[in-house]
Amino acid sequence: MTDRGLIRRAEAAGVEPRYTDSLGNSVEVPAETLAVILDALDSVPGPAPGAAASAEPPAELSLPPSPAGRSWGFTVQLYSLRSAGSWGHGDLRDLSDLAAWSGGELGAGFVLVNPLHAAEPLPPVSPSPYLPMTRRYVSPLYLRIEDIPEYRRLGHAEQQRISALAVPMRARNATDGLIDRDAVWTAKRQALEIIYQVPLTAARLQS
């Protein structure tokens, strides 16, 4: 059981020493975790030595110059951030456009997105981005196929084949149906197999 003195310190600092898990069980936060959190909080600038102690956190914190005045942003589930060019699934071009617009026109300081880790390599693809197969790689579902450099080196016929794959996917952007990750990945995988036939340049091999 966690030391009562440590629990009292945590409660005084506004840190919950226990939580309820998904099964409804009460779980105590390990003592070492509480100690690390409290040590981190102790490093936050507070009252000067000798000042009256307070259980309330400091009212003002000094921020580095760079984020000052740019402390807000958008939180998005990237897969749902679909534009007219998306293949039925939000992608990195959509994220780039949102970041450029919100930062440039609105003064946002950040965009927070869901995990972008890779899911299953073959359908069925998990419908949750929070259950990745690996955290070492980014999911290819978030690629904008037309932004891949080798796409621009394809012949007209190959680009037309990829456009044909994109059309039914883009039509889904105007519907209220659920995102069909299996259909999106099937189409994008076929497109990637076409692009894979284009040899990489020396510069791309080094990147």
C-alpha atoms as a PDB file:
ATOM      1  CA  MET A   1       0.000   0.000   0.000  1.00  0.00           C
ATOM      2  CA  THR A   2       1.221   3.494  -0.843  1.00  0.00           C
ATOM      3  CA  ASP A   3       2.640   5.442   2.124  1.00  0.00           C
ATOM      4  CA  ARG A   4      -0.018   7.651   3.709  1.00  0.00           C
ATOM      5  CA  GLY A   5       2.358  10.593   3.845  1.00  0.00           C
ATOM      6  CA  LEU A   6       2.917  10.326   0.099  1.00  0.00           C
ATOM      7  CA  ILE A   7      -0.828  10.122  -0.479  1.00  0.00           C
ATOM      8  CA  ARG A   8      -1.390  13.263   1.619  1.00  0.00           C
ATOM      9  CA  ARG A   9       1.283  15.102  -0.395  1.00  0.00           C
ATOM     10  CA  ALA A  10      -0.367  13.997  -3.640  1.00  0.00           C
ATOM     11  CA  GLU A  11      -3.836  15.074  -2.521  1.00  0.00           C
ATOM     12  CA  ALA A  12      -2.499  18.429  -1.341  1.00  0.00           C
ATOM     13  CA  ALA A  13      -0.933  18.948  -4.782  1.00  0.00           C
ATOM     14  CA  GLY A  14      -4.159  18.040  -6.557  1.00  0.00           C
ATOM     15  CA  VAL A  15      -2.867  14.658  -7.779  1.00  0.00           C
ATOM     16  CA  GLU A  16      -5.283  11.750  -7.475  1.00  0.00           C
ATOM     17  CA  PRO A  17      -3.579   8.791  -5.731  1.00  0.00           C
ATOM     18  CA  ARG A  18      -6.079   6.299  -7.101  1.00  0.00           C
ATOM     19  CA  TYR A  19      -8.335   5.848 -10.114  1.00  0.00           C
ATOM     20  CA  THR A  20     -11.142   3.602 -11.363  1.00  0.00           C
ATOM     21  CA  ASP A  21     -10.198   1.327 -14.254  1.00  0.00           C
ATOM     22  CA  SER A  22     -12.379   0.258 -17.194  1.00  0.00           C
ATOM     23  CA  LEU A  23     -13.780  -2.650 -15.167  1.00  0.00           C
ATOM     24  CA  GLY A  24     -14.849  -0.426 -12.286  1.00  0.00           C
ATOM     25  CA  ASN A  25     -12.026  -1.482  -9.984  1.00  0.00           C
ATOM     26  CA  SER A  26     -10.349   1.047  -7.686  1.00  0.00           C
ATOM     27  CA  VAL A  27      -6.618   1.059  -8.422  1.00  0.00           C
ATOM     28  CA  GLU A  28      -3.940   2.771  -6.338  1.00  0.00           C
ATOM     29  CA  VAL A  29      -1.271   4.686  -8.240  1.00  0.00           C
ATOM     30  CA  PRO A  30       2.119   3.078  -7.478  1.00  0.00           C
ATOM     31  CA  ALA A  31       4.200   4.937  -4.917  1.00  0.00           C
ATOM     32  CA  GLU A  32       7.099   5.387  -7.339  1.00  0.00           C
ATOM     33  CA  THR A  33       4.758   7.006  -9.884  1.00  0.00           C
ATOM     34  CA  LEU A  34       3.380   9.443  -7.323  1.00  0.00           C
ATOM     35  CA  ALA A  35       6.908  10.281  -6.195  1.00  0.00           C
ATOM     36  CA  VAL A  36       8.017  11.095  -9.764  1.00  0.00           C
ATOM     37  CA  ILE A  37       4.949  13.289 -10.347  1.00  0.00           C
ATOM     38  CA  LEU A  38       5.427  15.154  -7.078  1.00  0.00           C
ATOM     39  CA  ASP A  39       9.134  15.678  -7.786  1.00  0.00           C
ATOM     40  CA  ALA A  40       8.214  17.142 -11.169  1.00  0.00           C
ATOM     41  CA  LEU A  41       5.660  19.450  -9.559  1.00  0.00           C
ATOM     42  CA  ASP A  42       8.220  20.539  -6.980  1.00  0.00           C
ATOM     43  CA  SER A  43      10.411  21.778  -9.830  1.00  0.00           C
ATOM     44  CA  VAL A  44       7.665  24.154 -11.031  1.00  0.00           C
ATOM     45  CA  PRO A  45       8.337  27.747  -9.886  1.00  0.00           C
ATOM     46  CA  GLY A  46       6.353  28.447  -6.721  1.00  0.00           C
ATOM     47  CA  PRO A  47       6.359  30.823  -3.767  1.00  0.00           C
ATOM     48  CA  ALA A  48       9.672  32.195  -2.584  1.00  0.00           C
ATOM     49  CA  PRO A  49      11.336  30.472   0.406  1.00  0.00           C
ATOM     50  CA  GLY A  50       9.621  31.465   3.635  1.00  0.00           C
ATOM     51  CA  ALA A  51       6.342  32.301   1.950  1.00  0.00           C
ATOM     52  CA  ALA A  52       3.169  30.828   3.401  1.00  0.00           C
ATOM     53  CA  ALA A  53       2.529  27.285   2.212  1.00  0.00           C
ATOM     54  CA  SER A  54      -0.557  26.726   0.093  1.00  0.00           C
ATOM     55  CA  ALA A  55      -2.310  23.619  -1.163  1.00  0.00           C
ATOM     56  CA  GLU A  56      -3.260  25.487  -4.332  1.00  0.00           C
ATOM     57  CA  PRO A  57      -0.962  25.269  -7.388  1.00  0.00           C
ATOM     58  CA  PRO A  58       0.854  28.472  -8.363  1.00  0.00           C
ATOM     59  CA  ALA A  59      -1.436  30.901 -10.162  1.00  0.00           C
ATOM     60  CA  GLU A  60       1.103  32.026 -12.729  1.00  0.00           C
ATOM     61  CA  LEU A  61       3.798  30.100 -14.565  1.00  0.00           C
ATOM     62  CA  SER A  62       6.536  31.588 -16.694  1.00  0.00           C
ATOM     63  CA  LEU A  63       6.386  30.295 -20.256  1.00  0.00           C
ATOM     64  CA  PRO A  64       9.321  30.282 -22.669  1.00  0.00           C
ATOM     65  CA  PRO A  65       9.118  33.139 -25.185  1.00  0.00           C
ATOM     66  CA  SER A  66       8.341  30.888 -28.173  1.00  0.00           C
ATOM     67  CA  PRO A  67       4.926  29.515 -27.072  1.00  0.00           C
ATOM     68  CA  ALA A  68       3.835  32.715 -25.328  1.00  0.00           C
ATOM     69  CA  GLY A  69       0.598  33.922 -26.897  1.00  0.00           C
ATOM     70  CA  ARG A  70       0.208  30.742 -28.971  1.00  0.00           C
ATOM     71  CA  SER A  71      -1.133  28.395 -26.344  1.00  0.00           C
ATOM     72  CA  TRP A  72      -4.180  27.020 -28.138  1.00  0.00           C
ATOM     73  CA  GLY A  73      -4.789  24.708 -31.053  1.00  0.00           C
ATOM     74  CA  PHE A  74      -7.048  22.089 -32.590  1.00  0.00           C
ATOM     75  CA  THR A  75      -7.501  18.497 -31.488  1.00  0.00           C
ATOM     76  CA  VAL A  76      -8.543  16.233 -34.365  1.00  0.00           C
ATOM     77  CA  GLN A  77      -9.005  12.586 -35.183  1.00  0.00           C
ATOM     78  CA  LEU A  78      -7.025  12.711 -38.411  1.00  0.00           C
ATOM     79  CA  TYR A  79      -8.881   9.863 -40.105  1.00  0.00           C
ATOM     80  CA  SER A  80     -12.085  11.955 -39.920  1.00  0.00           C
ATOM     81  CA  LEU A  81     -10.443  15.141 -41.250  1.00  0.00           C
ATOM     82  CA  ARG A  82     -11.423  14.578 -44.868  1.00  0.00           C
ATOM     83  CA  SER A  83     -11.152  17.008 -47.754  1.00  0.00           C
ATOM     84  CA  ALA A  84     -12.289  16.685 -51.351  1.00  0.00           C
ATOM     85  CA  GLY A  85      -8.932  15.083 -52.178  1.00  0.00           C
ATOM     86  CA  SER A  86      -8.976  12.496 -49.405  1.00  0.00           C
ATOM     87  CA  TRP A  87      -9.399   8.836 -50.275  1.00  0.00           C
ATOM     88  CA  GLY A  88     -12.298   8.398 -47.844  1.00  0.00           C
ATOM     89  CA  HIS A  89      -9.895   8.766 -44.906  1.00  0.00           C
ATOM     90  CA  GLY A  90      -8.094  11.836 -43.576  1.00  0.00           C
ATOM     91  CA  ASP A  91      -4.418  11.957 -44.479  1.00  0.00           C
ATOM     92  CA  LEU A  92      -1.170  13.870 -43.996  1.00  0.00           C
ATOM     93  CA  ARG A  93      -2.052  16.417 -46.696  1.00  0.00           C
ATOM     94  CA  ASP A  94      -5.242  17.207 -44.793  1.00  0.00           C
ATOM     95  CA  LEU A  95      -3.203  17.601 -41.610  1.00  0.00           C
ATOM     96  CA  SER A  96      -0.734  19.898 -43.360  1.00  0.00           C
ATOM     97  CA  ASP A  97      -3.550  22.036 -44.755  1.00  0.00           C
ATOM     98  CA  LEU A  98      -5.216  22.307 -41.343  1.00  0.00           C
ATOM     99  CA  ALA A  99      -1.942  23.244 -39.644  1.00  0.00           C
ATOM    100  CA  ALA A 100      -1.123  25.882 -42.273  1.00  0.00           C
ATOM    101  CA  TRP A 101      -4.599  27.398 -42.132  1.00  0.00           C
ATOM    102  CA  SER A 102      -5.059  27.358 -38.358  1.00  0.00           C
ATOM    103  CA  GLY A 103      -1.529  28.568 -37.651  1.00  0.00           C
ATOM    104  CA  GLY A 104      -1.381  31.165 -40.418  1.00  0.00           C
ATOM    105  CA  GLU A 105      -4.884  32.651 -40.310  1.00  0.00           C
ATOM    106  CA  LEU A 106      -6.024  31.911 -36.763  1.00  0.00           C
ATOM    107  CA  GLY A 107      -2.747  32.003 -34.831  1.00  0.00           C
ATOM    108  CA  ALA A 108      -3.040  28.455 -33.476  1.00  0.00           C
ATOM    109  CA  GLY A 109       0.090  27.079 -31.855  1.00  0.00           C
ATOM    110  CA  PHE A 110      -0.409  23.360 -32.417  1.00  0.00           C
ATOM    111  CA  VAL A 111      -2.545  20.570 -33.846  1.00  0.00           C
ATOM    112  CA  LEU A 112      -3.039  17.492 -31.672  1.00  0.00           C
ATOM    113  CA  VAL A 113      -3.863  14.261 -33.534  1.00  0.00           C
ATOM    114  CA  ASN A 114      -4.694  10.672 -32.699  1.00  0.00           C
ATOM    115  CA  PRO A 115      -1.914   8.038 -32.829  1.00  0.00           C
ATOM    116  CA  LEU A 116      -0.771   7.436 -36.419  1.00  0.00           C
ATOM    117  CA  HIS A 117       0.859   4.053 -35.842  1.00  0.00           C
ATOM    118  CA  ALA A 118       0.513   1.168 -38.275  1.00  0.00           C
ATOM    119  CA  ALA A 119      -2.403  -1.246 -38.054  1.00  0.00           C
ATOM    120  CA  GLU A 120      -2.749  -4.659 -39.706  1.00  0.00           C
ATOM    121  CA  PRO A 121      -1.004  -4.997 -43.103  1.00  0.00           C
ATOM    122  CA  LEU A 122      -4.038  -6.813 -44.549  1.00  0.00           C
ATOM    123  CA  PRO A 123      -7.789  -6.431 -43.989  1.00  0.00           C
ATOM    124  CA  PRO A 124      -9.577  -6.506 -41.665  1.00  0.00           C
ATOM    125  CA  VAL A 125      -8.005  -3.301 -40.364  1.00  0.00           C
ATOM    126  CA  SER A 126      -8.743  -2.408 -36.756  1.00  0.00           C
ATOM    127  CA  PRO A 127     -11.276   0.439 -36.544  1.00  0.00           C
ATOM    128  CA  SER A 128      -9.373   2.007 -33.628  1.00  0.00           C
ATOM    129  CA  PRO A 129      -6.099   3.944 -34.012  1.00  0.00           C
ATOM    130  CA  TYR A 130      -5.433   3.178 -30.357  1.00  0.00           C
ATOM    131  CA  LEU A 131      -4.819  -0.525 -31.045  1.00  0.00           C
ATOM    132  CA  PRO A 132      -1.762  -0.437 -33.361  1.00  0.00           C
ATOM    133  CA  MET A 133       0.069  -3.550 -34.511  1.00  0.00           C
ATOM    134  CA  THR A 134       3.364  -1.674 -34.145  1.00  0.00           C
ATOM    135  CA  ARG A 135       4.539   1.704 -32.900  1.00  0.00           C
ATOM    136  CA  ARG A 136       7.668   1.607 -35.065  1.00  0.00           C
ATOM    137  CA  TYR A 137       5.909   2.634 -38.271  1.00  0.00           C
ATOM    138  CA  VAL A 138       3.255   5.093 -39.393  1.00  0.00           C
ATOM    139  CA  SER A 139       0.075   3.738 -40.931  1.00  0.00           C
ATOM    140  CA  PRO A 140       0.087   4.017 -44.751  1.00  0.00           C
ATOM    141  CA  LEU A 141      -3.616   4.834 -44.513  1.00  0.00           C
ATOM    142  CA  TYR A 142      -2.507   8.417 -43.809  1.00  0.00           C
ATOM    143  CA  LEU A 143      -0.565   8.754 -47.076  1.00  0.00           C
ATOM    144  CA  ARG A 144      -1.872  11.057 -49.785  1.00  0.00           C
ATOM    145  CA  ILE A 145      -0.981   8.866 -52.748  1.00  0.00           C
ATOM    146  CA  GLU A 146      -0.557  11.780 -55.161  1.00  0.00           C
ATOM    147  CA  ASP A 147       2.048  13.374 -52.860  1.00  0.00           C
ATOM    148  CA  ILE A 148       4.455  10.449 -53.171  1.00  0.00           C
ATOM    149  CA  PRO A 149       7.337  11.715 -55.380  1.00  0.00           C
ATOM    150  CA  GLU A 150       7.354   8.607 -57.569  1.00  0.00           C
ATOM    151  CA  TYR A 151       3.699   9.173 -58.456  1.00  0.00           C
ATOM    152  CA  ARG A 152       4.722  12.177 -60.549  1.00  0.00           C
ATOM    153  CA  ARG A 153       7.096   9.965 -62.516  1.00  0.00           C
ATOM    154  CA  LEU A 154       4.406   7.502 -63.531  1.00  0.00           C
ATOM    155  CA  GLY A 155       3.171   7.335 -67.094  1.00  0.00           C
ATOM    156  CA  HIS A 156      -0.266   8.657 -68.003  1.00  0.00           C
ATOM    157  CA  ALA A 157      -1.825   5.187 -68.065  1.00  0.00           C
ATOM    158  CA  GLU A 158      -0.575   4.329 -64.577  1.00  0.00           C
ATOM    159  CA  GLN A 159      -1.772   7.657 -63.156  1.00  0.00           C
ATOM    160  CA  GLN A 160      -5.171   7.006 -64.701  1.00  0.00           C
ATOM    161  CA  ARG A 161      -5.317   3.598 -63.008  1.00  0.00           C
ATOM    162  CA  ILE A 162      -4.636   5.274 -59.673  1.00  0.00           C
ATOM    163  CA  SER A 163      -7.247   7.961 -60.363  1.00  0.00           C
ATOM    164  CA  ALA A 164      -9.784   5.215 -61.002  1.00  0.00           C
ATOM    165  CA  LEU A 165      -8.984   3.735 -57.590  1.00  0.00           C
ATOM    166  CA  ALA A 166      -9.404   7.140 -55.943  1.00  0.00           C
ATOM    167  CA  VAL A 167     -12.793   8.061 -57.419  1.00  0.00           C
ATOM    168  CA  PRO A 168     -15.014   5.718 -55.370  1.00  0.00           C
ATOM    169  CA  MET A 169     -13.007   6.471 -52.234  1.00  0.00           C
ATOM    170  CA  ARG A 170     -13.452  10.227 -52.648  1.00  0.00           C
ATOM    171  CA  ALA A 171     -17.163   9.771 -53.229  1.00  0.00           C
ATOM    172  CA  ARG A 172     -17.379   8.492 -49.645  1.00  0.00           C
ATOM    173  CA  ASN A 173     -16.280  11.905 -48.343  1.00  0.00           C
ATOM    174  CA  ALA A 174     -19.686  13.358 -49.163  1.00  0.00           C
ATOM    175  CA  THR A 175     -21.645  10.675 -47.288  1.00  0.00           C
ATOM    176  CA  ASP A 176     -22.409  10.199 -43.615  1.00  0.00           C
ATOM    177  CA  GLY A 177     -21.338   6.550 -43.679  1.00  0.00           C
ATOM    178  CA  LEU A 178     -18.670   5.175 -41.377  1.00  0.00           C
ATOM    179  CA  ILE A 179     -15.081   5.202 -42.605  1.00  0.00           C
ATOM    180  CA  ASP A 180     -14.355   1.903 -44.349  1.00  0.00           C
ATOM    181  CA  ARG A 181     -10.691   1.350 -43.525  1.00  0.00           C
ATOM    182  CA  ASP A 182     -10.628  -1.983 -45.345  1.00  0.00           C
ATOM    183  CA  ALA A 183     -11.829  -0.402 -48.587  1.00  0.00           C
ATOM    184  CA  VAL A 184      -9.440   2.548 -48.207  1.00  0.00           C
ATOM    185  CA  TRP A 185      -6.448   0.328 -47.537  1.00  0.00           C
ATOM    186  CA  THR A 186      -7.325  -2.047 -50.398  1.00  0.00           C
ATOM    187  CA  ALA A 187      -7.395   0.881 -52.829  1.00  0.00           C
ATOM    188  CA  LYS A 188      -4.279   2.559 -51.465  1.00  0.00           C
ATOM    189  CA  ARG A 189      -2.345  -0.705 -51.434  1.00  0.00           C
ATOM    190  CA  GLN A 190      -3.128  -1.261 -55.106  1.00  0.00           C
ATOM    191  CA  ALA A 191      -1.981   2.288 -55.839  1.00  0.00           C
ATOM    192  CA  LEU A 192       1.223   1.774 -53.859  1.00  0.00           C
ATOM    193  CA  GLU A 193       1.959  -1.423 -55.771  1.00  0.00           C
ATOM    194  CA  ILE A 194       1.743   0.577 -59.018  1.00  0.00           C
ATOM    195  CA  ILE A 195       4.034   3.295 -57.663  1.00  0.00           C
ATOM    196  CA  TYR A 196       6.478   0.690 -56.323  1.00  0.00           C
ATOM    197  CA  GLN A 197       7.418  -0.184 -59.918  1.00  0.00           C
ATOM    198  CA  VAL A 198       9.047   3.244 -60.317  1.00  0.00           C
ATOM    199  CA  PRO A 199      12.775   2.993 -59.443  1.00  0.00           C
ATOM    200  CA  LEU A 200      13.956   5.294 -56.676  1.00  0.00           C
ATOM    201  CA  THR A 201      16.357   8.083 -57.572  1.00  0.00           C
ATOM    202  CA  ALA A 202      19.736   8.287 -55.827  1.00  0.00           C
ATOM    203  CA  ALA A 203      18.439  11.150 -53.702  1.00  0.00           C
ATOM    204  CA  ARG A 204      15.400   9.144 -52.624  1.00  0.00           C
ATOM    205  CA  LEU A 205      17.536   6.157 -51.739  1.00  0.00           C
ATOM    206  CA  GLN A 206      19.520   8.364 -49.349  1.00  0.00           C
ATOM    207  CA  SER A 207      16.448   9.946 -47.731  1.00  0.00           C
END
